[in-house]
Amino acid sequence: MIGSEAVADRPGPRLSTIAFGAPFLPTLARHLLQRFGAGPALARVRVLLPSARARQTLVEAFLDAVDGRALLLPRIAAIAQVDEKETLARLLEEEGETLAPAIAPLARRLGLARLLAREAGSPPSADRLARDLARVLDLLAAHAVSPGALAELDLAELAHHRARRLAILDAIVRHWPDRLARQGLLDPVARREQLLSALADRWQATPPGPVVAAGFATAPPAVARLLGVVARLPDGALVLPGLDPEVAAEDWDAIGRAPTHPLHGLNRLLAAIGAVPSDAVRLGPAEDARARALAAAFRPSGAAPA
């Protein structure tokens, strides 16, 4: 879809990569302008990015690329974080669907604190526990883990007071979604996961036109599923940072077995969407000496020199 006609003609996922050392979002902006121009065609493109900060940086990159001249921006959504501007929700609304609103962060914290008041013993302690529990709820939702998983933990080796506290938290986590549902609300991250799932289902059934997902170095399950759908749309493309299409298979496998490696998240993302590095084509300038040095630095320990 972007970069060359060869990408669009290739079977399987449509992947591109921008080399280490090249400015990622400015390179992406220039290629989208080359492909679609600065008019109505560009405005029909949907661009999915990890964060609101990346969204703002891409807008600035577009403006820099046209030297401040007027242009119609693509529809840019932040999908890997809860976005106060609701850019992800607006993409789903364009498809004619809506979801229940998210509970406000302060209202959630206060609600959880009230449930924890007896166990905490004091309002400040309840507030601290509520903050911690909110993070647990978000992690469970983002990684598609059932709240019931807390009950499956082996508590035999925990001190009695810790085991008791975990049991109380388990009871709250189990009932919290129903409590929100009675109010017609959702937890923010749980709502984002539902938005991602609904959008993936809709686009898989009815391709929406040009979609580019870019800048993801890792992704939780719901994000990865949507990226996999985008990479296989007739007018879709997934643009990844710093992926070497020529990386040796044994090196890539070693990265997958090394959770602390900087490219481990990217390795897991490609595995989740059923892709391999050789599926990608290079976008932007060719690798220079600095980019090759960076790529060499990311080779797994014990790999043979390139």
C-alpha atoms as a PDB file:
ATOM      1  CA  MET A   1       0.000   0.000   0.000  1.00  0.00           C
ATOM      2  CA  ILE A   2       2.814   2.397   0.768  1.00  0.00           C
ATOM      3  CA  GLY A   3       6.387   2.484  -0.413  1.00  0.00           C
ATOM      4  CA  SER A   4       6.040   0.350  -3.544  1.00  0.00           C
ATOM      5  CA  GLU A   5       3.523  -1.586  -5.596  1.00  0.00           C
ATOM      6  CA  ALA A   6       5.483  -4.731  -4.696  1.00  0.00           C
ATOM      7  CA  VAL A   7       4.097  -4.546  -1.170  1.00  0.00           C
ATOM      8  CA  ALA A   8       0.497  -4.553  -2.384  1.00  0.00           C
ATOM      9  CA  ASP A   9       1.152  -7.511  -4.711  1.00  0.00           C
ATOM     10  CA  ARG A  10       2.722  -9.746  -2.058  1.00  0.00           C
ATOM     11  CA  PRO A  11       0.604 -12.462  -0.422  1.00  0.00           C
ATOM     12  CA  GLY A  12       0.277 -12.603   3.348  1.00  0.00           C
ATOM     13  CA  PRO A  13       0.761  -9.697   5.760  1.00  0.00           C
ATOM     14  CA  ARG A  14       1.865  -6.384   4.254  1.00  0.00           C
ATOM     15  CA  LEU A  15       4.789  -5.239   6.362  1.00  0.00           C
ATOM     16  CA  SER A  16       7.245  -2.392   5.924  1.00  0.00           C
ATOM     17  CA  THR A  17      10.099  -1.305   8.149  1.00  0.00           C
ATOM     18  CA  ILE A  18      12.006   1.921   8.693  1.00  0.00           C
ATOM     19  CA  ALA A  19      15.682   1.416   9.475  1.00  0.00           C
ATOM     20  CA  PHE A  20      17.391   2.293  12.732  1.00  0.00           C
ATOM     21  CA  GLY A  21      18.697   5.848  12.634  1.00  0.00           C
ATOM     22  CA  ALA A  22      16.012   7.182  10.258  1.00  0.00           C
ATOM     23  CA  PRO A  23      13.425   9.503  11.864  1.00  0.00           C
ATOM     24  CA  PHE A  24      10.453   7.160  12.017  1.00  0.00           C
ATOM     25  CA  LEU A  25       7.396   9.405  11.972  1.00  0.00           C
ATOM     26  CA  PRO A  26       8.841  12.052   9.588  1.00  0.00           C
ATOM     27  CA  THR A  27       9.738   9.228   7.179  1.00  0.00           C
ATOM     28  CA  LEU A  28       6.222   7.824   7.475  1.00  0.00           C
ATOM     29  CA  ALA A  29       4.667  11.255   6.876  1.00  0.00           C
ATOM     30  CA  ARG A  30       6.734  11.846   3.733  1.00  0.00           C
ATOM     31  CA  HIS A  31       5.786   8.476   2.283  1.00  0.00           C
ATOM     32  CA  LEU A  32       2.104   8.959   2.954  1.00  0.00           C
ATOM     33  CA  LEU A  33       2.261  12.349   1.238  1.00  0.00           C
ATOM     34  CA  GLN A  34       4.064  10.794  -1.737  1.00  0.00           C
ATOM     35  CA  ARG A  35       1.449   8.038  -1.963  1.00  0.00           C
ATOM     36  CA  PHE A  36      -1.737  10.028  -1.339  1.00  0.00           C
ATOM     37  CA  GLY A  37      -0.881  13.691  -1.795  1.00  0.00           C
ATOM     38  CA  ALA A  38      -2.070  16.430   0.568  1.00  0.00           C
ATOM     39  CA  GLY A  39      -5.740  16.450  -0.425  1.00  0.00           C
ATOM     40  CA  PRO A  40      -8.895  14.338  -0.019  1.00  0.00           C
ATOM     41  CA  ALA A  41      -7.125  11.011  -0.678  1.00  0.00           C
ATOM     42  CA  LEU A  42      -4.903  11.541   2.375  1.00  0.00           C
ATOM     43  CA  ALA A  43      -7.914  12.488   4.494  1.00  0.00           C
ATOM     44  CA  ARG A  44      -9.464   9.086   3.764  1.00  0.00           C
ATOM     45  CA  VAL A  45      -6.478   7.240   5.261  1.00  0.00           C
ATOM     46  CA  ARG A  46      -6.697   5.906   8.806  1.00  0.00           C
ATOM     47  CA  VAL A  47      -3.410   5.837  10.720  1.00  0.00           C
ATOM     48  CA  LEU A  48      -3.095   3.799  13.929  1.00  0.00           C
ATOM     49  CA  LEU A  49      -0.288   4.725  16.345  1.00  0.00           C
ATOM     50  CA  PRO A  50       0.662   3.500  19.832  1.00  0.00           C
ATOM     51  CA  SER A  51       0.105   6.712  21.805  1.00  0.00           C
ATOM     52  CA  ALA A  52      -1.320  10.208  21.854  1.00  0.00           C
ATOM     53  CA  ARG A  53       2.224  11.550  21.927  1.00  0.00           C
ATOM     54  CA  ALA A  54       3.044   9.699  18.699  1.00  0.00           C
ATOM     55  CA  ARG A  55      -0.172  11.073  17.201  1.00  0.00           C
ATOM     56  CA  GLN A  56       0.868  14.659  17.956  1.00  0.00           C
ATOM     57  CA  THR A  57       4.392  14.032  16.632  1.00  0.00           C
ATOM     58  CA  LEU A  58       3.009  12.667  13.353  1.00  0.00           C
ATOM     59  CA  VAL A  59       0.771  15.717  12.927  1.00  0.00           C
ATOM     60  CA  GLU A  60       3.835  17.928  13.375  1.00  0.00           C
ATOM     61  CA  ALA A  61       5.783  15.772  10.904  1.00  0.00           C
ATOM     62  CA  PHE A  62       3.077  16.283   8.270  1.00  0.00           C
ATOM     63  CA  LEU A  63       3.158  20.054   8.784  1.00  0.00           C
ATOM     64  CA  ASP A  64       6.950  20.095   8.544  1.00  0.00           C
ATOM     65  CA  ALA A  65       6.865  18.000   5.373  1.00  0.00           C
ATOM     66  CA  VAL A  66       4.630  20.533   3.567  1.00  0.00           C
ATOM     67  CA  ASP A  67       6.420  23.599   5.019  1.00  0.00           C
ATOM     68  CA  GLY A  68       3.281  24.762   6.763  1.00  0.00           C
ATOM     69  CA  ARG A  69       1.075  24.699   3.651  1.00  0.00           C
ATOM     70  CA  ALA A  70      -2.554  23.663   4.022  1.00  0.00           C
ATOM     71  CA  LEU A  71      -3.301  19.963   3.896  1.00  0.00           C
ATOM     72  CA  LEU A  72      -6.016  17.532   4.879  1.00  0.00           C
ATOM     73  CA  LEU A  73      -4.672  15.245   7.582  1.00  0.00           C
ATOM     74  CA  PRO A  74      -5.469  11.531   7.767  1.00  0.00           C
ATOM     75  CA  ARG A  75      -7.573  10.223  10.619  1.00  0.00           C
ATOM     76  CA  ILE A  76      -4.974   9.388  13.273  1.00  0.00           C
ATOM     77  CA  ALA A  77      -5.874   7.279  16.313  1.00  0.00           C
ATOM     78  CA  ALA A  78      -3.880   6.267  19.400  1.00  0.00           C
ATOM     79  CA  ILE A  79      -4.778   2.654  20.157  1.00  0.00           C
ATOM     80  CA  ALA A  80      -2.292   1.218  22.669  1.00  0.00           C
ATOM     81  CA  GLN A  81      -3.108   3.653  25.483  1.00  0.00           C
ATOM     82  CA  VAL A  82      -6.306   5.065  26.923  1.00  0.00           C
ATOM     83  CA  ASP A  83      -6.767   8.208  24.827  1.00  0.00           C
ATOM     84  CA  GLU A  84      -8.532  11.196  26.376  1.00  0.00           C
ATOM     85  CA  LYS A  85      -9.423  12.480  22.883  1.00  0.00           C
ATOM     86  CA  GLU A  86     -11.304   9.227  22.140  1.00  0.00           C
ATOM     87  CA  THR A  87      -9.646   8.853  18.727  1.00  0.00           C
ATOM     88  CA  LEU A  88     -10.075   5.063  18.804  1.00  0.00           C
ATOM     89  CA  ALA A  89     -13.753   5.333  19.807  1.00  0.00           C
ATOM     90  CA  ARG A  90     -14.385   7.718  16.910  1.00  0.00           C
ATOM     91  CA  LEU A  91     -13.057   5.139  14.439  1.00  0.00           C
ATOM     92  CA  LEU A  92     -15.636   2.648  15.705  1.00  0.00           C
ATOM     93  CA  GLU A  93     -18.376   5.294  15.656  1.00  0.00           C
ATOM     94  CA  GLU A  94     -17.606   5.822  11.967  1.00  0.00           C
ATOM     95  CA  GLU A  95     -18.604   2.172  11.532  1.00  0.00           C
ATOM     96  CA  GLY A  96     -21.943   2.833  13.239  1.00  0.00           C
ATOM     97  CA  GLU A  97     -21.142   1.244  16.618  1.00  0.00           C
ATOM     98  CA  THR A  98     -20.777   2.690  20.097  1.00  0.00           C
ATOM     99  CA  LEU A  99     -19.830   1.329  23.512  1.00  0.00           C
ATOM    100  CA  ALA A 100     -20.701   2.298  27.059  1.00  0.00           C
ATOM    101  CA  PRO A 101     -18.552   5.165  28.355  1.00  0.00           C
ATOM    102  CA  ALA A 102     -15.557   4.656  30.619  1.00  0.00           C
ATOM    103  CA  ILE A 103     -15.741   5.472  34.309  1.00  0.00           C
ATOM    104  CA  ALA A 104     -13.765   8.603  35.165  1.00  0.00           C
ATOM    105  CA  PRO A 105     -10.391   7.813  36.829  1.00  0.00           C
ATOM    106  CA  LEU A 106     -11.257   9.702  40.032  1.00  0.00           C
ATOM    107  CA  ALA A 107     -14.671   8.055  40.299  1.00  0.00           C
ATOM    108  CA  ARG A 108     -13.069   4.642  39.877  1.00  0.00           C
ATOM    109  CA  ARG A 109     -10.461   5.342  42.538  1.00  0.00           C
ATOM    110  CA  LEU A 110     -13.072   6.557  45.002  1.00  0.00           C
ATOM    111  CA  GLY A 111     -15.333   3.584  44.287  1.00  0.00           C
ATOM    112  CA  LEU A 112     -12.538   1.097  44.838  1.00  0.00           C
ATOM    113  CA  ALA A 113     -11.395   2.933  47.968  1.00  0.00           C
ATOM    114  CA  ARG A 114     -14.874   2.609  49.477  1.00  0.00           C
ATOM    115  CA  LEU A 115     -14.841  -1.137  48.835  1.00  0.00           C
ATOM    116  CA  LEU A 116     -11.400  -1.393  50.434  1.00  0.00           C
ATOM    117  CA  ALA A 117     -12.103   0.875  53.414  1.00  0.00           C
ATOM    118  CA  ARG A 118     -12.633  -1.872  55.996  1.00  0.00           C
ATOM    119  CA  GLU A 119      -9.535  -3.841  54.998  1.00  0.00           C
ATOM    120  CA  ALA A 120      -7.352  -0.734  54.663  1.00  0.00           C
ATOM    121  CA  GLY A 121      -8.181   0.692  58.083  1.00  0.00           C
ATOM    122  CA  SER A 122      -7.813   4.356  57.105  1.00  0.00           C
ATOM    123  CA  PRO A 123      -8.758   6.608  54.152  1.00  0.00           C
ATOM    124  CA  PRO A 124      -5.119   7.175  53.019  1.00  0.00           C
ATOM    125  CA  SER A 125      -4.442   3.434  53.072  1.00  0.00           C
ATOM    126  CA  ALA A 126      -7.671   2.770  51.184  1.00  0.00           C
ATOM    127  CA  ASP A 127      -6.665   5.307  48.539  1.00  0.00           C
ATOM    128  CA  ARG A 128      -3.238   3.689  48.089  1.00  0.00           C
ATOM    129  CA  LEU A 129      -4.804   0.251  47.788  1.00  0.00           C
ATOM    130  CA  ALA A 130      -7.356   1.596  45.310  1.00  0.00           C
ATOM    131  CA  ARG A 131      -4.578   2.979  43.083  1.00  0.00           C
ATOM    132  CA  ASP A 132      -2.777  -0.361  43.169  1.00  0.00           C
ATOM    133  CA  LEU A 133      -5.953  -2.300  42.470  1.00  0.00           C
ATOM    134  CA  ALA A 134      -6.795  -0.026  39.528  1.00  0.00           C
ATOM    135  CA  ARG A 135      -3.421  -0.883  37.999  1.00  0.00           C
ATOM    136  CA  VAL A 136      -4.137  -4.600  38.535  1.00  0.00           C
ATOM    137  CA  LEU A 137      -7.495  -4.250  36.788  1.00  0.00           C
ATOM    138  CA  ASP A 138      -5.831  -2.491  33.850  1.00  0.00           C
ATOM    139  CA  LEU A 139      -3.118  -5.150  33.530  1.00  0.00           C
ATOM    140  CA  LEU A 140      -5.648  -7.969  33.646  1.00  0.00           C
ATOM    141  CA  ALA A 141      -7.739  -6.309  30.929  1.00  0.00           C
ATOM    142  CA  ALA A 142      -4.778  -5.425  28.689  1.00  0.00           C
ATOM    143  CA  HIS A 143      -3.398  -8.959  28.750  1.00  0.00           C
ATOM    144  CA  ALA A 144      -6.760 -10.723  28.450  1.00  0.00           C
ATOM    145  CA  VAL A 145      -6.439 -12.376  31.864  1.00  0.00           C
ATOM    146  CA  SER A 146      -9.645 -13.311  33.655  1.00  0.00           C
ATOM    147  CA  PRO A 147     -10.084 -11.744  37.106  1.00  0.00           C
ATOM    148  CA  GLY A 148     -10.623 -15.285  38.334  1.00  0.00           C
ATOM    149  CA  ALA A 149      -6.891 -15.869  37.861  1.00  0.00           C
ATOM    150  CA  LEU A 150      -6.304 -14.247  41.252  1.00  0.00           C
ATOM    151  CA  ALA A 151      -8.222 -17.065  42.893  1.00  0.00           C
ATOM    152  CA  GLU A 152      -5.978 -19.624  41.169  1.00  0.00           C
ATOM    153  CA  LEU A 153      -2.781 -18.309  42.771  1.00  0.00           C
ATOM    154  CA  ASP A 154      -1.062 -20.616  45.254  1.00  0.00           C
ATOM    155  CA  LEU A 155      -1.395 -18.827  48.595  1.00  0.00           C
ATOM    156  CA  ALA A 156       0.209 -21.570  50.695  1.00  0.00           C
ATOM    157  CA  GLU A 157       3.543 -19.791  50.987  1.00  0.00           C
ATOM    158  CA  LEU A 158       2.114 -16.331  51.659  1.00  0.00           C
ATOM    159  CA  ALA A 159       1.849 -14.932  55.165  1.00  0.00           C
ATOM    160  CA  HIS A 160      -1.671 -15.174  56.556  1.00  0.00           C
ATOM    161  CA  HIS A 161      -2.394 -11.447  56.347  1.00  0.00           C
ATOM    162  CA  ARG A 162      -1.182 -11.294  52.741  1.00  0.00           C
ATOM    163  CA  ALA A 163      -3.278 -14.299  51.739  1.00  0.00           C
ATOM    164  CA  ARG A 164      -6.326 -12.734  53.409  1.00  0.00           C
ATOM    165  CA  ARG A 165      -5.766  -9.442  51.596  1.00  0.00           C
ATOM    166  CA  LEU A 166      -5.407 -11.191  48.244  1.00  0.00           C
ATOM    167  CA  ALA A 167      -8.654 -13.071  48.874  1.00  0.00           C
ATOM    168  CA  ILE A 168     -10.424  -9.762  49.551  1.00  0.00           C
ATOM    169  CA  LEU A 169      -8.961  -8.217  46.391  1.00  0.00           C
ATOM    170  CA  ASP A 170     -10.074 -11.270  44.415  1.00  0.00           C
ATOM    171  CA  ALA A 171     -13.660 -10.808  45.629  1.00  0.00           C
ATOM    172  CA  ILE A 172     -13.611  -7.127  44.662  1.00  0.00           C
ATOM    173  CA  VAL A 173     -12.069  -7.757  41.233  1.00  0.00           C
ATOM    174  CA  ARG A 174     -14.672 -10.409  40.480  1.00  0.00           C
ATOM    175  CA  HIS A 175     -17.606  -8.144  41.324  1.00  0.00           C
ATOM    176  CA  TRP A 176     -16.267  -4.806  40.087  1.00  0.00           C
ATOM    177  CA  PRO A 177     -17.280  -5.293  36.406  1.00  0.00           C
ATOM    178  CA  ASP A 178     -20.866  -6.122  37.433  1.00  0.00           C
ATOM    179  CA  ARG A 179     -20.945  -3.052  39.655  1.00  0.00           C
ATOM    180  CA  LEU A 180     -19.860  -0.893  36.718  1.00  0.00           C
ATOM    181  CA  ALA A 181     -22.311  -2.595  34.365  1.00  0.00           C
ATOM    182  CA  ARG A 182     -25.209  -1.630  36.626  1.00  0.00           C
ATOM    183  CA  GLN A 183     -24.076   1.978  36.188  1.00  0.00           C
ATOM    184  CA  GLY A 184     -23.738   1.602  32.418  1.00  0.00           C
ATOM    185  CA  LEU A 185     -19.948   2.084  32.595  1.00  0.00           C
ATOM    186  CA  LEU A 186     -16.729   0.237  31.756  1.00  0.00           C
ATOM    187  CA  ASP A 187     -13.194   0.352  33.113  1.00  0.00           C
ATOM    188  CA  PRO A 188     -11.056   2.486  30.755  1.00  0.00           C
ATOM    189  CA  VAL A 189      -8.670  -0.266  29.640  1.00  0.00           C
ATOM    190  CA  ALA A 190     -11.440  -2.860  29.425  1.00  0.00           C
ATOM    191  CA  ARG A 191     -13.354  -0.439  27.200  1.00  0.00           C
ATOM    192  CA  ARG A 192     -10.294   0.061  24.999  1.00  0.00           C
ATOM    193  CA  GLU A 193      -9.949  -3.708  24.619  1.00  0.00           C
ATOM    194  CA  GLN A 194     -13.593  -3.969  23.558  1.00  0.00           C
ATOM    195  CA  LEU A 195     -13.103  -1.137  21.058  1.00  0.00           C
ATOM    196  CA  LEU A 196     -10.071  -2.893  19.578  1.00  0.00           C
ATOM    197  CA  SER A 197     -11.894  -6.208  19.312  1.00  0.00           C
ATOM    198  CA  ALA A 198     -14.985  -4.638  17.741  1.00  0.00           C
ATOM    199  CA  LEU A 199     -12.894  -2.704  15.233  1.00  0.00           C
ATOM    200  CA  ALA A 200     -10.910  -5.824  14.272  1.00  0.00           C
ATOM    201  CA  ASP A 201     -14.151  -7.779  13.731  1.00  0.00           C
ATOM    202  CA  ARG A 202     -15.705  -5.004  11.663  1.00  0.00           C
ATOM    203  CA  TRP A 203     -12.669  -4.362   9.456  1.00  0.00           C
ATOM    204  CA  GLN A 204     -12.062  -8.067   8.919  1.00  0.00           C
ATOM    205  CA  ALA A 205     -15.629  -8.423   7.655  1.00  0.00           C
ATOM    206  CA  THR A 206     -15.778  -5.103   5.772  1.00  0.00           C
ATOM    207  CA  PRO A 207     -12.418  -3.541   4.825  1.00  0.00           C
ATOM    208  CA  PRO A 208     -12.648   0.219   5.466  1.00  0.00           C
ATOM    209  CA  GLY A 209     -10.223   1.591   2.851  1.00  0.00           C
ATOM    210  CA  PRO A 210      -6.610   2.633   3.407  1.00  0.00           C
ATOM    211  CA  VAL A 211      -5.312   1.855   6.930  1.00  0.00           C
ATOM    212  CA  VAL A 212      -1.720   2.177   8.132  1.00  0.00           C
ATOM    213  CA  ALA A 213      -0.615   0.972  11.571  1.00  0.00           C
ATOM    214  CA  ALA A 214       2.844   2.197  12.509  1.00  0.00           C
ATOM    215  CA  GLY A 215       5.413   2.447  15.276  1.00  0.00           C
ATOM    216  CA  PHE A 216       4.572  -0.624  17.363  1.00  0.00           C
ATOM    217  CA  ALA A 217       7.590  -2.295  18.962  1.00  0.00           C
ATOM    218  CA  THR A 218       5.371  -4.552  21.075  1.00  0.00           C
ATOM    219  CA  ALA A 219       1.639  -5.021  21.584  1.00  0.00           C
ATOM    220  CA  PRO A 220      -0.742  -6.671  24.065  1.00  0.00           C
ATOM    221  CA  PRO A 221      -3.162  -9.277  22.641  1.00  0.00           C
ATOM    222  CA  ALA A 222      -6.066  -7.076  21.508  1.00  0.00           C
ATOM    223  CA  VAL A 223      -3.736  -4.555  19.856  1.00  0.00           C
ATOM    224  CA  ALA A 224      -1.779  -7.356  18.161  1.00  0.00           C
ATOM    225  CA  ARG A 225      -4.985  -8.866  16.779  1.00  0.00           C
ATOM    226  CA  LEU A 226      -6.036  -5.551  15.238  1.00  0.00           C
ATOM    227  CA  LEU A 227      -2.548  -5.058  13.770  1.00  0.00           C
ATOM    228  CA  GLY A 228      -2.759  -8.521  12.217  1.00  0.00           C
ATOM    229  CA  VAL A 229      -6.089  -7.625  10.628  1.00  0.00           C
ATOM    230  CA  VAL A 230      -4.699  -4.330   9.294  1.00  0.00           C
ATOM    231  CA  ALA A 231      -1.650  -6.070   7.797  1.00  0.00           C
ATOM    232  CA  ARG A 232      -3.968  -8.292   5.742  1.00  0.00           C
ATOM    233  CA  LEU A 233      -6.478  -5.677   4.567  1.00  0.00           C
ATOM    234  CA  PRO A 234      -6.521  -5.049   0.805  1.00  0.00           C
ATOM    235  CA  ASP A 235      -5.413  -1.447   1.480  1.00  0.00           C
ATOM    236  CA  GLY A 236      -3.670  -2.045   4.800  1.00  0.00           C
ATOM    237  CA  ALA A 237      -0.058  -1.881   5.910  1.00  0.00           C
ATOM    238  CA  LEU A 238       1.897  -2.362   9.116  1.00  0.00           C
ATOM    239  CA  VAL A 239       5.053  -0.234   9.391  1.00  0.00           C
ATOM    240  CA  LEU A 240       7.484  -1.405  12.063  1.00  0.00           C
ATOM    241  CA  PRO A 241      10.549   0.274  13.558  1.00  0.00           C
ATOM    242  CA  GLY A 242      14.020  -1.184  13.160  1.00  0.00           C
ATOM    243  CA  LEU A 243      13.065  -4.611  11.807  1.00  0.00           C
ATOM    244  CA  ASP A 244      15.812  -6.249   9.731  1.00  0.00           C
ATOM    245  CA  PRO A 245      14.205  -8.236   6.874  1.00  0.00           C
ATOM    246  CA  GLU A 246      17.480 -10.106   6.363  1.00  0.00           C
ATOM    247  CA  VAL A 247      17.978 -11.197   9.974  1.00  0.00           C
ATOM    248  CA  ALA A 248      19.088 -14.827  10.196  1.00  0.00           C
ATOM    249  CA  ALA A 249      16.360 -17.225  11.311  1.00  0.00           C
ATOM    250  CA  GLU A 250      18.491 -18.570  14.167  1.00  0.00           C
ATOM    251  CA  ASP A 251      19.168 -15.028  15.413  1.00  0.00           C
ATOM    252  CA  TRP A 252      15.445 -14.202  15.307  1.00  0.00           C
ATOM    253  CA  ASP A 253      14.621 -17.386  17.201  1.00  0.00           C
ATOM    254  CA  ALA A 254      17.249 -16.495  19.819  1.00  0.00           C
ATOM    255  CA  ILE A 255      15.641 -13.065  20.257  1.00  0.00           C
ATOM    256  CA  GLY A 256      12.319 -14.801  20.859  1.00  0.00           C
ATOM    257  CA  ARG A 257      13.885 -16.787  23.694  1.00  0.00           C
ATOM    258  CA  ALA A 258      15.465 -13.712  25.321  1.00  0.00           C
ATOM    259  CA  PRO A 259      12.815 -11.661  27.170  1.00  0.00           C
ATOM    260  CA  THR A 260      15.295  -8.900  27.989  1.00  0.00           C
ATOM    261  CA  HIS A 261      16.383  -8.341  24.384  1.00  0.00           C
ATOM    262  CA  PRO A 262      15.262  -4.924  22.990  1.00  0.00           C
ATOM    263  CA  LEU A 263      13.598  -6.627  19.991  1.00  0.00           C
ATOM    264  CA  HIS A 264      11.838  -9.349  21.997  1.00  0.00           C
ATOM    265  CA  GLY A 265       8.542  -7.449  21.982  1.00  0.00           C
ATOM    266  CA  LEU A 266       8.718  -7.032  18.206  1.00  0.00           C
ATOM    267  CA  ASN A 267       9.512 -10.734  17.876  1.00  0.00           C
ATOM    268  CA  ARG A 268       6.415 -11.632  19.906  1.00  0.00           C
ATOM    269  CA  LEU A 269       4.285  -9.200  17.888  1.00  0.00           C
ATOM    270  CA  LEU A 270       5.283 -10.795  14.589  1.00  0.00           C
ATOM    271  CA  ALA A 271       4.614 -14.247  16.036  1.00  0.00           C
ATOM    272  CA  ALA A 272       1.161 -13.115  17.175  1.00  0.00           C
ATOM    273  CA  ILE A 273       0.185 -11.887  13.707  1.00  0.00           C
ATOM    274  CA  GLY A 274       1.720 -14.852  11.867  1.00  0.00           C
ATOM    275  CA  ALA A 275       4.558 -12.942  10.194  1.00  0.00           C
ATOM    276  CA  VAL A 276       8.335 -13.213   9.900  1.00  0.00           C
ATOM    277  CA  PRO A 277      10.966 -10.511   9.294  1.00  0.00           C
ATOM    278  CA  SER A 278      11.394 -11.476   5.648  1.00  0.00           C
ATOM    279  CA  ASP A 279       7.771 -10.426   5.016  1.00  0.00           C
ATOM    280  CA  ALA A 280       8.863  -6.791   5.442  1.00  0.00           C
ATOM    281  CA  VAL A 281      10.173  -4.407   2.802  1.00  0.00           C
ATOM    282  CA  ARG A 282      12.300  -1.387   3.618  1.00  0.00           C
ATOM    283  CA  LEU A 283      10.730   2.046   3.637  1.00  0.00           C
ATOM    284  CA  GLY A 284      12.698   5.279   3.522  1.00  0.00           C
ATOM    285  CA  PRO A 285      16.445   5.715   3.128  1.00  0.00           C
ATOM    286  CA  ALA A 286      18.715   2.701   2.851  1.00  0.00           C
ATOM    287  CA  GLU A 287      20.672   1.668   5.904  1.00  0.00           C
ATOM    288  CA  ASP A 288      23.755   3.768   6.450  1.00  0.00           C
ATOM    289  CA  ALA A 289      26.826   2.887   8.515  1.00  0.00           C
ATOM    290  CA  ARG A 290      25.169   4.114  11.731  1.00  0.00           C
ATOM    291  CA  ALA A 291      22.046   2.039  11.091  1.00  0.00           C
ATOM    292  CA  ARG A 292      24.141  -1.056  10.382  1.00  0.00           C
ATOM    293  CA  ALA A 293      26.084  -0.491  13.609  1.00  0.00           C
ATOM    294  CA  LEU A 294      22.834  -0.225  15.580  1.00  0.00           C
ATOM    295  CA  ALA A 295      21.480  -3.370  13.940  1.00  0.00           C
ATOM    296  CA  ALA A 296      24.698  -5.208  14.832  1.00  0.00           C
ATOM    297  CA  ALA A 297      24.407  -4.032  18.428  1.00  0.00           C
ATOM    298  CA  PHE A 298      20.959  -5.633  18.643  1.00  0.00           C
ATOM    299  CA  ARG A 299      22.146  -9.041  17.450  1.00  0.00           C
ATOM    300  CA  PRO A 300      21.587 -11.634  20.177  1.00  0.00           C
ATOM    301  CA  SER A 301      24.471 -12.665  22.379  1.00  0.00           C
ATOM    302  CA  GLY A 302      26.539 -15.396  20.787  1.00  0.00           C
ATOM    303  CA  ALA A 303      25.366 -14.681  17.237  1.00  0.00           C
ATOM    304  CA  ALA A 304      27.952 -15.015  14.499  1.00  0.00           C
ATOM    305  CA  PRO A 305      29.119 -11.716  12.931  1.00  0.00           C
ATOM    306  CA  ALA A 306      27.107 -10.628   9.894  1.00  0.00           C
END
